Amino acid sequence: VLNDNATNVFTIQKLMRHKNIATTMLYVNVTDTQL
């Protein structure tokens, strides 16, 4: 939902408390809304 709301991926990474951005990307689904 953060990603759907166009939140910067680095902000999502911080909020998820991930060390690696690649880990964050595993959590983010690309939705039809985003497309």
Full PDB file with SEQRES, HELIX, SHEET, SSBOND, CRYST1, ORIGX, SCALE, CONECT and MASTER records, all heavy atoms in Angstrom:
SEQRES   1 A   35  VAL LEU ASN ASP ASN ALA THR ASN VAL PHE THR ILE GLN          
SEQRES   2 A   35  LYS LEU MET ARG HIS LYS ASN ILE ALA THR THR MET LEU          
SEQRES   3 A   35  TYR VAL ASN VAL THR ASP THR GLN LEU                          
HELIX    1 AA1 VAL A    9  MET A   16  1                                   8    
HELIX    2 AA2 ILE A   21  TYR A   27  1                                   7    
CRYST1    1.000    1.000    1.000  90.00  90.00  90.00 P 1           1          
ORIGX1      1.000000  0.000000  0.000000        0.00000                         
ORIGX2      0.000000  1.000000  0.000000        0.00000                         
ORIGX3      0.000000  0.000000  1.000000        0.00000                         
SCALE1      1.000000  0.000000  0.000000        0.00000                         
SCALE2      0.000000  1.000000  0.000000        0.00000                         
SCALE3      0.000000  0.000000  1.000000        0.00000                         
ATOM      1  N   VAL A   1       0.834  -1.203   0.000  1.00  0.00           N  
ATOM      2  CA  VAL A   1       0.000   0.000   0.000  1.00  0.00           C  
ATOM      3  C   VAL A   1       0.873   1.258   0.000  1.00  0.00           C  
ATOM      4  O   VAL A   1       0.560   2.235  -0.690  1.00  0.00           O  
ATOM      5  CB  VAL A   1      -1.011  -0.008   1.171  1.00  0.00           C  
ATOM      6  CG1 VAL A   1      -1.738   1.321   1.294  1.00  0.00           C  
ATOM      7  CG2 VAL A   1      -2.003  -1.152   0.987  1.00  0.00           C  
ATOM      8  N   LEU A   2       1.973   1.242   0.731  1.00  0.00           N  
ATOM      9  CA  LEU A   2       2.903   2.372   0.664  1.00  0.00           C  
ATOM     10  C   LEU A   2       3.372   2.572  -0.776  1.00  0.00           C  
ATOM     11  O   LEU A   2       3.411   3.700  -1.284  1.00  0.00           O  
ATOM     12  CB  LEU A   2       4.115   2.136   1.575  1.00  0.00           C  
ATOM     13  CG  LEU A   2       3.901   2.316   3.071  1.00  0.00           C  
ATOM     14  CD1 LEU A   2       5.113   1.816   3.853  1.00  0.00           C  
ATOM     15  CD2 LEU A   2       3.609   3.772   3.418  1.00  0.00           C  
ATOM     16  N   ASN A   3       3.708   1.474  -1.434  1.00  0.00           N  
ATOM     17  CA  ASN A   3       4.157   1.540  -2.827  1.00  0.00           C  
ATOM     18  C   ASN A   3       3.035   2.041  -3.737  1.00  0.00           C  
ATOM     19  O   ASN A   3       3.261   2.859  -4.622  1.00  0.00           O  
ATOM     20  CB  ASN A   3       4.661   0.166  -3.271  1.00  0.00           C  
ATOM     21  CG  ASN A   3       5.479   0.234  -4.538  1.00  0.00           C  
ATOM     22  OD1 ASN A   3       6.309   1.126  -4.704  1.00  0.00           O  
ATOM     23  ND2 ASN A   3       5.261  -0.708  -5.425  1.00  0.00           N  
ATOM     24  N   ASP A   4       1.806   1.561  -3.510  1.00  0.00           N  
ATOM     25  CA  ASP A   4       0.634   2.038  -4.269  1.00  0.00           C  
ATOM     26  C   ASP A   4       0.460   3.551  -4.144  1.00  0.00           C  
ATOM     27  O   ASP A   4      -0.005   4.209  -5.068  1.00  0.00           O  
ATOM     28  CB  ASP A   4      -0.656   1.383  -3.750  1.00  0.00           C  
ATOM     29  CG  ASP A   4      -0.995   0.094  -4.475  1.00  0.00           C  
ATOM     30  OD1 ASP A   4      -0.327  -0.242  -5.466  1.00  0.00           O  
ATOM     31  OD2 ASP A   4      -1.949  -0.578  -4.031  1.00  0.00           O  
ATOM     32  N   ASN A   5       0.816   4.066  -2.968  1.00  0.00           N  
ATOM     33  CA  ASN A   5       0.668   5.492  -2.698  1.00  0.00           C  
ATOM     34  C   ASN A   5       1.882   6.297  -3.156  1.00  0.00           C  
ATOM     35  O   ASN A   5       2.075   7.437  -2.734  1.00  0.00           O  
ATOM     36  CB  ASN A   5       0.410   5.736  -1.209  1.00  0.00           C  
ATOM     37  CG  ASN A   5      -0.939   5.218  -0.784  1.00  0.00           C  
ATOM     38  OD1 ASN A   5      -1.860   5.114  -1.585  1.00  0.00           O  
ATOM     39  ND2 ASN A   5      -1.072   4.875   0.485  1.00  0.00           N  
ATOM     40  N   ALA A   6       2.708   5.659  -4.006  1.00  0.00           N  
ATOM     41  CA  ALA A   6       3.891   6.307  -4.602  1.00  0.00           C  
ATOM     42  C   ALA A   6       4.924   6.727  -3.560  1.00  0.00           C  
ATOM     43  O   ALA A   6       5.636   7.714  -3.731  1.00  0.00           O  
ATOM     44  CB  ALA A   6       3.482   7.485  -5.480  1.00  0.00           C  
ATOM     45  N   THR A   7       5.002   5.980  -2.473  1.00  0.00           N  
ATOM     46  CA  THR A   7       6.032   6.231  -1.466  1.00  0.00           C  
ATOM     47  C   THR A   7       7.375   5.775  -2.029  1.00  0.00           C  
ATOM     48  O   THR A   7       7.482   4.690  -2.604  1.00  0.00           O  
ATOM     49  CB  THR A   7       5.725   5.463  -0.164  1.00  0.00           C  
ATOM     50  OG1 THR A   7       4.411   5.811   0.273  1.00  0.00           O  
ATOM     51  CG2 THR A   7       6.731   5.769   0.929  1.00  0.00           C  
ATOM     52  N   ASN A   8       8.381   6.579  -1.867  1.00  0.00           N  
ATOM     53  CA  ASN A   8       9.728   6.259  -2.336  1.00  0.00           C  
ATOM     54  C   ASN A   8      10.183   4.931  -1.747  1.00  0.00           C  
ATOM     55  O   ASN A   8       9.986   4.671  -0.552  1.00  0.00           O  
ATOM     56  CB  ASN A   8      10.663   7.404  -1.912  1.00  0.00           C  
ATOM     57  CG  ASN A   8      12.090   7.185  -2.305  1.00  0.00           C  
ATOM     58  OD1 ASN A   8      12.737   6.259  -1.827  1.00  0.00           O  
ATOM     59  ND2 ASN A   8      12.585   8.058  -3.158  1.00  0.00           N  
ATOM     60  N   VAL A   9      10.802   4.083  -2.561  1.00  0.00           N  
ATOM     61  CA  VAL A   9      11.197   2.745  -2.110  1.00  0.00           C  
ATOM     62  C   VAL A   9      12.199   2.805  -0.957  1.00  0.00           C  
ATOM     63  O   VAL A   9      12.215   1.928  -0.092  1.00  0.00           O  
ATOM     64  CB  VAL A   9      11.721   1.883  -3.290  1.00  0.00           C  
ATOM     65  CG1 VAL A   9      13.083   2.353  -3.772  1.00  0.00           C  
ATOM     66  CG2 VAL A   9      11.778   0.407  -2.905  1.00  0.00           C  
ATOM     67  N   PHE A  10      13.019   3.858  -0.898  1.00  0.00           N  
ATOM     68  CA  PHE A  10      13.970   3.981   0.207  1.00  0.00           C  
ATOM     69  C   PHE A  10      13.253   4.316   1.516  1.00  0.00           C  
ATOM     70  O   PHE A  10      13.666   3.889   2.593  1.00  0.00           O  
ATOM     71  CB  PHE A  10      15.051   5.031  -0.123  1.00  0.00           C  
ATOM     72  CG  PHE A  10      15.886   4.632  -1.305  1.00  0.00           C  
ATOM     73  CD1 PHE A  10      15.715   5.247  -2.532  1.00  0.00           C  
ATOM     74  CD2 PHE A  10      16.810   3.601  -1.202  1.00  0.00           C  
ATOM     75  CE1 PHE A  10      16.461   4.864  -3.628  1.00  0.00           C  
ATOM     76  CE2 PHE A  10      17.564   3.206  -2.288  1.00  0.00           C  
ATOM     77  CZ  PHE A  10      17.382   3.835  -3.515  1.00  0.00           C  
ATOM     78  N   THR A  11      12.150   5.054   1.414  1.00  0.00           N  
ATOM     79  CA  THR A  11      11.318   5.331   2.592  1.00  0.00           C  
ATOM     80  C   THR A  11      10.655   4.030   3.061  1.00  0.00           C  
ATOM     81  O   THR A  11      10.617   3.748   4.262  1.00  0.00           O  
ATOM     82  CB  THR A  11      10.260   6.396   2.267  1.00  0.00           C  
ATOM     83  OG1 THR A  11      10.920   7.587   1.826  1.00  0.00           O  
ATOM     84  CG2 THR A  11       9.391   6.711   3.482  1.00  0.00           C  
ATOM     85  N   ILE A  12      10.156   3.251   2.105  1.00  0.00           N  
ATOM     86  CA  ILE A  12       9.544   1.953   2.456  1.00  0.00           C  
ATOM     87  C   ILE A  12      10.576   1.072   3.141  1.00  0.00           C  
ATOM     88  O   ILE A  12      10.294   0.433   4.154  1.00  0.00           O  
ATOM     89  CB  ILE A  12       8.952   1.257   1.207  1.00  0.00           C  
ATOM     90  CG1 ILE A  12       7.828   2.112   0.601  1.00  0.00           C  
ATOM     91  CG2 ILE A  12       8.435  -0.139   1.567  1.00  0.00           C  
ATOM     92  CD1 ILE A  12       7.309   1.607  -0.734  1.00  0.00           C  
ATOM     93  N   GLN A  13      11.795   1.045   2.614  1.00  0.00           N  
ATOM     94  CA  GLN A  13      12.871   0.253   3.218  1.00  0.00           C  
ATOM     95  C   GLN A  13      13.084   0.656   4.680  1.00  0.00           C  
ATOM     96  O   GLN A  13      13.191  -0.198   5.554  1.00  0.00           O  
ATOM     97  CB  GLN A  13      14.167   0.440   2.423  1.00  0.00           C  
ATOM     98  CG  GLN A  13      15.361  -0.284   3.028  1.00  0.00           C  
ATOM     99  CD  GLN A  13      16.688   0.101   2.388  1.00  0.00           C  
ATOM    100  OE1 GLN A  13      16.751   0.987   1.541  1.00  0.00           O  
ATOM    101  NE2 GLN A  13      17.748  -0.568   2.804  1.00  0.00           N  
ATOM    102  N   LYS A  14      13.124   1.961   4.946  1.00  0.00           N  
ATOM    103  CA  LYS A  14      13.325   2.443   6.328  1.00  0.00           C  
ATOM    104  C   LYS A  14      12.149   2.049   7.220  1.00  0.00           C  
ATOM    105  O   LYS A  14      12.346   1.615   8.357  1.00  0.00           O  
ATOM    106  CB  LYS A  14      13.488   3.967   6.340  1.00  0.00           C  
ATOM    107  CG  LYS A  14      14.821   4.452   5.845  1.00  0.00           C  
ATOM    108  CD  LYS A  14      15.864   4.259   6.896  1.00  0.00           C  
ATOM    109  CE  LYS A  14      17.134   4.978   6.508  1.00  0.00           C  
ATOM    110  NZ  LYS A  14      18.252   4.550   7.332  1.00  0.00           N  
ATOM    111  N   LEU A  15      10.929   2.212   6.697  1.00  0.00           N  
ATOM    112  CA  LEU A  15       9.751   1.864   7.495  1.00  0.00           C  
ATOM    113  C   LEU A  15       9.659   0.364   7.752  1.00  0.00           C  
ATOM    114  O   LEU A  15       9.160  -0.069   8.788  1.00  0.00           O  
ATOM    115  CB  LEU A  15       8.479   2.373   6.808  1.00  0.00           C  
ATOM    116  CG  LEU A  15       8.309   3.901   6.801  1.00  0.00           C  
ATOM    117  CD1 LEU A  15       7.152   4.306   5.893  1.00  0.00           C  
ATOM    118  CD2 LEU A  15       8.099   4.432   8.215  1.00  0.00           C  
ATOM    119  N   MET A  16      10.139  -0.438   6.796  1.00  0.00           N  
ATOM    120  CA  MET A  16      10.143  -1.894   6.964  1.00  0.00           C  
ATOM    121  C   MET A  16      11.321  -2.363   7.832  1.00  0.00           C  
ATOM    122  O   MET A  16      11.378  -3.503   8.242  1.00  0.00           O  
ATOM    123  CB  MET A  16      10.222  -2.581   5.594  1.00  0.00           C  
ATOM    124  CG  MET A  16       9.009  -2.351   4.706  1.00  0.00           C  
ATOM    125  SD  MET A  16       7.580  -3.273   5.253  1.00  0.00           S  
ATOM    126  CE  MET A  16       8.037  -4.939   4.812  1.00  0.00           C  
ATOM    127  N   ARG A  17      12.274  -1.454   8.049  1.00  0.00           N  
ATOM    128  CA  ARG A  17      13.462  -1.744   8.849  1.00  0.00           C  
ATOM    129  C   ARG A  17      14.315  -2.835   8.211  1.00  0.00           C  
ATOM    130  O   ARG A  17      14.815  -3.731   8.884  1.00  0.00           O  
ATOM    131  CB  ARG A  17      13.068  -2.061  10.293  1.00  0.00           C  
ATOM    132  CG  ARG A  17      12.292  -0.915  10.921  1.00  0.00           C  
ATOM    133  CD  ARG A  17      11.634  -1.196  12.240  1.00  0.00           C  
ATOM    134  NE  ARG A  17      10.916  -2.441  12.385  1.00  0.00           N  
ATOM    135  CZ  ARG A  17       9.674  -2.663  11.950  1.00  0.00           C  
ATOM    136  NH1 ARG A  17       9.022  -1.732  11.313  1.00  0.00           N  
ATOM    137  NH2 ARG A  17       9.092  -3.817  12.154  1.00  0.00           N  
ATOM    138  N   HIS A  18      14.483  -2.743   6.886  1.00  0.00           N  
ATOM    139  CA  HIS A  18      15.332  -3.674   6.139  1.00  0.00           C  
ATOM    140  C   HIS A  18      16.714  -3.058   5.940  1.00  0.00           C  
ATOM    141  O   HIS A  18      16.815  -1.872   5.652  1.00  0.00           O  
ATOM    142  CB  HIS A  18      14.738  -3.965   4.759  1.00  0.00           C  
ATOM    143  CG  HIS A  18      13.531  -4.828   4.785  1.00  0.00           C  
ATOM    144  ND1 HIS A  18      12.526  -4.736   3.841  1.00  0.00           N  
ATOM    145  CD2 HIS A  18      13.150  -5.825   5.624  1.00  0.00           C  
ATOM    146  CE1 HIS A  18      11.588  -5.626   4.099  1.00  0.00           C  
ATOM    147  NE2 HIS A  18      11.940  -6.288   5.181  1.00  0.00           N  
ATOM    148  N   LYS A  19      17.743  -3.879   6.035  1.00  0.00           N  
ATOM    149  CA  LYS A  19      19.097  -3.413   5.741  1.00  0.00           C  
ATOM    150  C   LYS A  19      19.301  -3.267   4.235  1.00  0.00           C  
ATOM    151  O   LYS A  19      20.014  -2.388   3.778  1.00  0.00           O  
ATOM    152  CB  LYS A  19      20.134  -4.398   6.293  1.00  0.00           C  
ATOM    153  CG  LYS A  19      20.432  -4.221   7.744  1.00  0.00           C  
ATOM    154  CD  LYS A  19      21.614  -5.064   8.131  1.00  0.00           C  
ATOM    155  CE  LYS A  19      22.029  -4.716   9.539  1.00  0.00           C  
ATOM    156  NZ  LYS A  19      23.268  -5.362   9.930  1.00  0.00           N  
ATOM    157  N   ASN A  20      18.688  -4.172   3.480  1.00  0.00           N  
ATOM    158  CA  ASN A  20      18.945  -4.262   2.047  1.00  0.00           C  
ATOM    159  C   ASN A  20      17.679  -3.925   1.263  1.00  0.00           C  
ATOM    160  O   ASN A  20      16.612  -4.478   1.535  1.00  0.00           O  
ATOM    161  CB  ASN A  20      19.423  -5.693   1.748  1.00  0.00           C  
ATOM    162  CG  ASN A  20      19.924  -5.864   0.345  1.00  0.00           C  
ATOM    163  OD1 ASN A  20      19.410  -5.278  -0.599  1.00  0.00           O  
ATOM    164  ND2 ASN A  20      20.948  -6.688   0.206  1.00  0.00           N  
ATOM    165  N   ILE A  21      17.813  -3.064   0.275  1.00  0.00           N  
ATOM    166  CA  ILE A  21      16.664  -2.671  -0.553  1.00  0.00           C  
ATOM    167  C   ILE A  21      16.083  -3.867  -1.303  1.00  0.00           C  
ATOM    168  O   ILE A  21      14.885  -3.931  -1.571  1.00  0.00           O  
ATOM    169  CB  ILE A  21      17.049  -1.520  -1.526  1.00  0.00           C  
ATOM    170  CG1 ILE A  21      15.806  -0.839  -2.083  1.00  0.00           C  
ATOM    171  CG2 ILE A  21      17.915  -2.001  -2.660  1.00  0.00           C  
ATOM    172  CD1 ILE A  21      15.274   0.235  -1.247  1.00  0.00           C  
ATOM    173  N   ALA A  22      16.925  -4.848  -1.622  1.00  0.00           N  
ATOM    174  CA  ALA A  22      16.447  -6.042  -2.340  1.00  0.00           C  
ATOM    175  C   ALA A  22      15.433  -6.805  -1.488  1.00  0.00           C  
ATOM    176  O   ALA A  22      14.468  -7.367  -2.020  1.00  0.00           O  
ATOM    177  CB  ALA A  22      17.625  -6.943  -2.717  1.00  0.00           C  
ATOM    178  N   THR A  23      15.615  -6.815  -0.178  1.00  0.00           N  
ATOM    179  CA  THR A  23      14.656  -7.467   0.709  1.00  0.00           C  
ATOM    180  C   THR A  23      13.317  -6.749   0.653  1.00  0.00           C  
ATOM    181  O   THR A  23      12.260  -7.380   0.563  1.00  0.00           O  
ATOM    182  CB  THR A  23      15.184  -7.481   2.163  1.00  0.00           C  
ATOM    183  OG1 THR A  23      16.487  -8.073   2.175  1.00  0.00           O  
ATOM    184  CG2 THR A  23      14.257  -8.241   3.089  1.00  0.00           C  
ATOM    185  N   THR A  24      13.366  -5.428   0.664  1.00  0.00           N  
ATOM    186  CA  THR A  24      12.134  -4.642   0.576  1.00  0.00           C  
ATOM    187  C   THR A  24      11.386  -4.955  -0.706  1.00  0.00           C  
ATOM    188  O   THR A  24      10.162  -5.101  -0.704  1.00  0.00           O  
ATOM    189  CB  THR A  24      12.463  -3.128   0.650  1.00  0.00           C  
ATOM    190  OG1 THR A  24      13.222  -2.887   1.831  1.00  0.00           O  
ATOM    191  CG2 THR A  24      11.194  -2.287   0.653  1.00  0.00           C  
ATOM    192  N   MET A  25      12.109  -5.092  -1.797  1.00  0.00           N  
ATOM    193  CA  MET A  25      11.476  -5.342  -3.092  1.00  0.00           C  
ATOM    194  C   MET A  25      10.725  -6.682  -3.108  1.00  0.00           C  
ATOM    195  O   MET A  25       9.757  -6.841  -3.844  1.00  0.00           O  
ATOM    196  CB  MET A  25      12.516  -5.291  -4.224  1.00  0.00           C  
ATOM    197  CG  MET A  25      13.178  -3.923  -4.373  1.00  0.00           C  
ATOM    198  SD  MET A  25      12.021  -2.533  -4.443  1.00  0.00           S  
ATOM    199  CE  MET A  25      11.240  -2.823  -6.000  1.00  0.00           C  
ATOM    200  N   LEU A  26      11.145  -7.627  -2.270  1.00  0.00           N  
ATOM    201  CA  LEU A  26      10.435  -8.909  -2.183  1.00  0.00           C  
ATOM    202  C   LEU A  26       9.041  -8.747  -1.565  1.00  0.00           C  
ATOM    203  O   LEU A  26       8.160  -9.567  -1.785  1.00  0.00           O  
ATOM    204  CB  LEU A  26      11.234  -9.915  -1.349  1.00  0.00           C  
ATOM    205  CG  LEU A  26      12.560 -10.400  -1.935  1.00  0.00           C  
ATOM    206  CD1 LEU A  26      13.308 -11.237  -0.909  1.00  0.00           C  
ATOM    207  CD2 LEU A  26      12.327 -11.180  -3.218  1.00  0.00           C  
ATOM    208  N   TYR A  27       8.865  -7.702  -0.789  1.00  0.00           N  
ATOM    209  CA  TYR A  27       7.596  -7.471  -0.091  1.00  0.00           C  
ATOM    210  C   TYR A  27       6.583  -6.697  -0.916  1.00  0.00           C  
ATOM    211  O   TYR A  27       5.403  -6.748  -0.658  1.00  0.00           O  
ATOM    212  CB  TYR A  27       7.850  -6.685   1.213  1.00  0.00           C  
ATOM    213  CG  TYR A  27       8.354  -7.547   2.322  1.00  0.00           C  
ATOM    214  CD1 TYR A  27       9.678  -7.937   2.377  1.00  0.00           C  
ATOM    215  CD2 TYR A  27       7.495  -7.988   3.321  1.00  0.00           C  
ATOM    216  CE1 TYR A  27      10.145  -8.738   3.398  1.00  0.00           C  
ATOM    217  CE2 TYR A  27       7.952  -8.787   4.351  1.00  0.00           C  
ATOM    218  CZ  TYR A  27       9.286  -9.156   4.382  1.00  0.00           C  
ATOM    219  OH  TYR A  27       9.746  -9.948   5.390  1.00  0.00           O  
ATOM    220  N   VAL A  28       7.078  -5.938  -1.862  1.00  0.00           N  
ATOM    221  CA  VAL A  28       6.223  -5.013  -2.597  1.00  0.00           C  
ATOM    222  C   VAL A  28       5.616  -5.707  -3.807  1.00  0.00           C  
ATOM    223  O   VAL A  28       6.330  -6.196  -4.675  1.00  0.00           O  
ATOM    224  CB  VAL A  28       7.025  -3.767  -3.029  1.00  0.00           C  
ATOM    225  CG1 VAL A  28       6.179  -2.850  -3.885  1.00  0.00           C  
ATOM    226  CG2 VAL A  28       7.552  -3.026  -1.806  1.00  0.00           C  
ATOM    227  N   ASN A  29       4.319  -5.779  -3.838  1.00  0.00           N  
ATOM    228  CA  ASN A  29       3.597  -6.302  -5.006  1.00  0.00           C  
ATOM    229  C   ASN A  29       3.328  -5.154  -5.962  1.00  0.00           C  
ATOM    230  O   ASN A  29       2.940  -4.074  -5.534  1.00  0.00           O  
ATOM    231  CB  ASN A  29       2.243  -6.889  -4.579  1.00  0.00           C  
ATOM    232  CG  ASN A  29       2.291  -8.367  -4.376  1.00  0.00           C  
ATOM    233  OD1 ASN A  29       3.354  -8.964  -4.261  1.00  0.00           O  
ATOM    234  ND2 ASN A  29       1.132  -8.975  -4.328  1.00  0.00           N  
ATOM    235  N   VAL A  30       3.504  -5.403  -7.246  1.00  0.00           N  
ATOM    236  CA  VAL A  30       3.063  -4.432  -8.236  1.00  0.00           C  
ATOM    237  C   VAL A  30       1.597  -4.738  -8.502  1.00  0.00           C  
ATOM    238  O   VAL A  30       1.228  -5.852  -8.838  1.00  0.00           O  
ATOM    239  CB  VAL A  30       3.891  -4.534  -9.537  1.00  0.00           C  
ATOM    240  CG1 VAL A  30       3.341  -3.582 -10.595  1.00  0.00           C  
ATOM    241  CG2 VAL A  30       5.353  -4.222  -9.249  1.00  0.00           C  
ATOM    242  N   THR A  31       0.760  -3.740  -8.307  1.00  0.00           N  
ATOM    243  CA  THR A  31      -0.685  -3.941  -8.425  1.00  0.00           C  
ATOM    244  C   THR A  31      -1.217  -3.321  -9.714  1.00  0.00           C  
ATOM    245  O   THR A  31      -0.561  -2.481 -10.332  1.00  0.00           O  
ATOM    246  CB  THR A  31      -1.420  -3.305  -7.229  1.00  0.00           C  
ATOM    247  OG1 THR A  31      -1.213  -1.890  -7.272  1.00  0.00           O  
ATOM    248  CG2 THR A  31      -0.916  -3.860  -5.899  1.00  0.00           C  
ATOM    249  N   ASP A  32      -2.423  -3.720 -10.086  1.00  0.00           N  
ATOM    250  CA  ASP A  32      -3.070  -3.139 -11.264  1.00  0.00           C  
ATOM    251  C   ASP A  32      -3.224  -1.630 -11.102  1.00  0.00           C  
ATOM    252  O   ASP A  32      -3.092  -0.875 -12.071  1.00  0.00           O  
ATOM    253  CB  ASP A  32      -4.437  -3.790 -11.506  1.00  0.00           C  
ATOM    254  CG  ASP A  32      -4.316  -5.201 -12.061  1.00  0.00           C  
ATOM    255  OD1 ASP A  32      -3.190  -5.599 -12.452  1.00  0.00           O  
ATOM    256  OD2 ASP A  32      -5.338  -5.905 -12.094  1.00  0.00           O  
ATOM    257  N   THR A  33      -3.494  -1.187  -9.884  1.00  0.00           N  
ATOM    258  CA  THR A  33      -3.629   0.249  -9.624  1.00  0.00           C  
ATOM    259  C   THR A  33      -2.357   0.986 -10.026  1.00  0.00           C  
ATOM    260  O   THR A  33      -2.416   2.033 -10.690  1.00  0.00           O  
ATOM    261  CB  THR A  33      -3.923   0.498  -8.123  1.00  0.00           C  
ATOM    262  OG1 THR A  33      -5.099  -0.197  -7.765  1.00  0.00           O  
ATOM    263  CG2 THR A  33      -4.062   1.978  -7.809  1.00  0.00           C  
ATOM    264  N   GLN A  34      -1.206   0.432  -9.652  1.00  0.00           N  
ATOM    265  CA  GLN A  34       0.062   1.063 -10.006  1.00  0.00           C  
ATOM    266  C   GLN A  34       0.270   1.066 -11.516  1.00  0.00           C  
ATOM    267  O   GLN A  34       0.727   2.063 -12.080  1.00  0.00           O  
ATOM    268  CB  GLN A  34       1.226   0.324  -9.342  1.00  0.00           C  
ATOM    269  CG  GLN A  34       1.268   0.503  -7.846  1.00  0.00           C  
ATOM    270  CD  GLN A  34       2.310  -0.399  -7.244  1.00  0.00           C  
ATOM    271  OE1 GLN A  34       2.104  -1.594  -7.092  1.00  0.00           O  
ATOM    272  NE2 GLN A  34       3.439   0.180  -6.927  1.00  0.00           N  
ATOM    273  N   LEU A  35      -0.061  -0.025 -12.159  1.00  0.00           N  
ATOM    274  CA  LEU A  35       0.123  -0.118 -13.610  1.00  0.00           C  
ATOM    275  C   LEU A  35      -0.780   0.879 -14.332  1.00  0.00           C  
ATOM    276  O   LEU A  35      -0.356   1.556 -15.273  1.00  0.00           O  
ATOM    277  CB  LEU A  35      -0.151  -1.547 -14.088  1.00  0.00           C  
ATOM    278  CG  LEU A  35       0.802  -2.617 -13.538  1.00  0.00           C  
ATOM    279  CD1 LEU A  35       0.334  -4.012 -13.937  1.00  0.00           C  
ATOM    280  CD2 LEU A  35       2.235  -2.374 -13.999  1.00  0.00           C  
TER     281      LEU A  35                                                      
MASTER        0    0    0    2    0    0    0    6  280    1    0    3          
END                                                                             
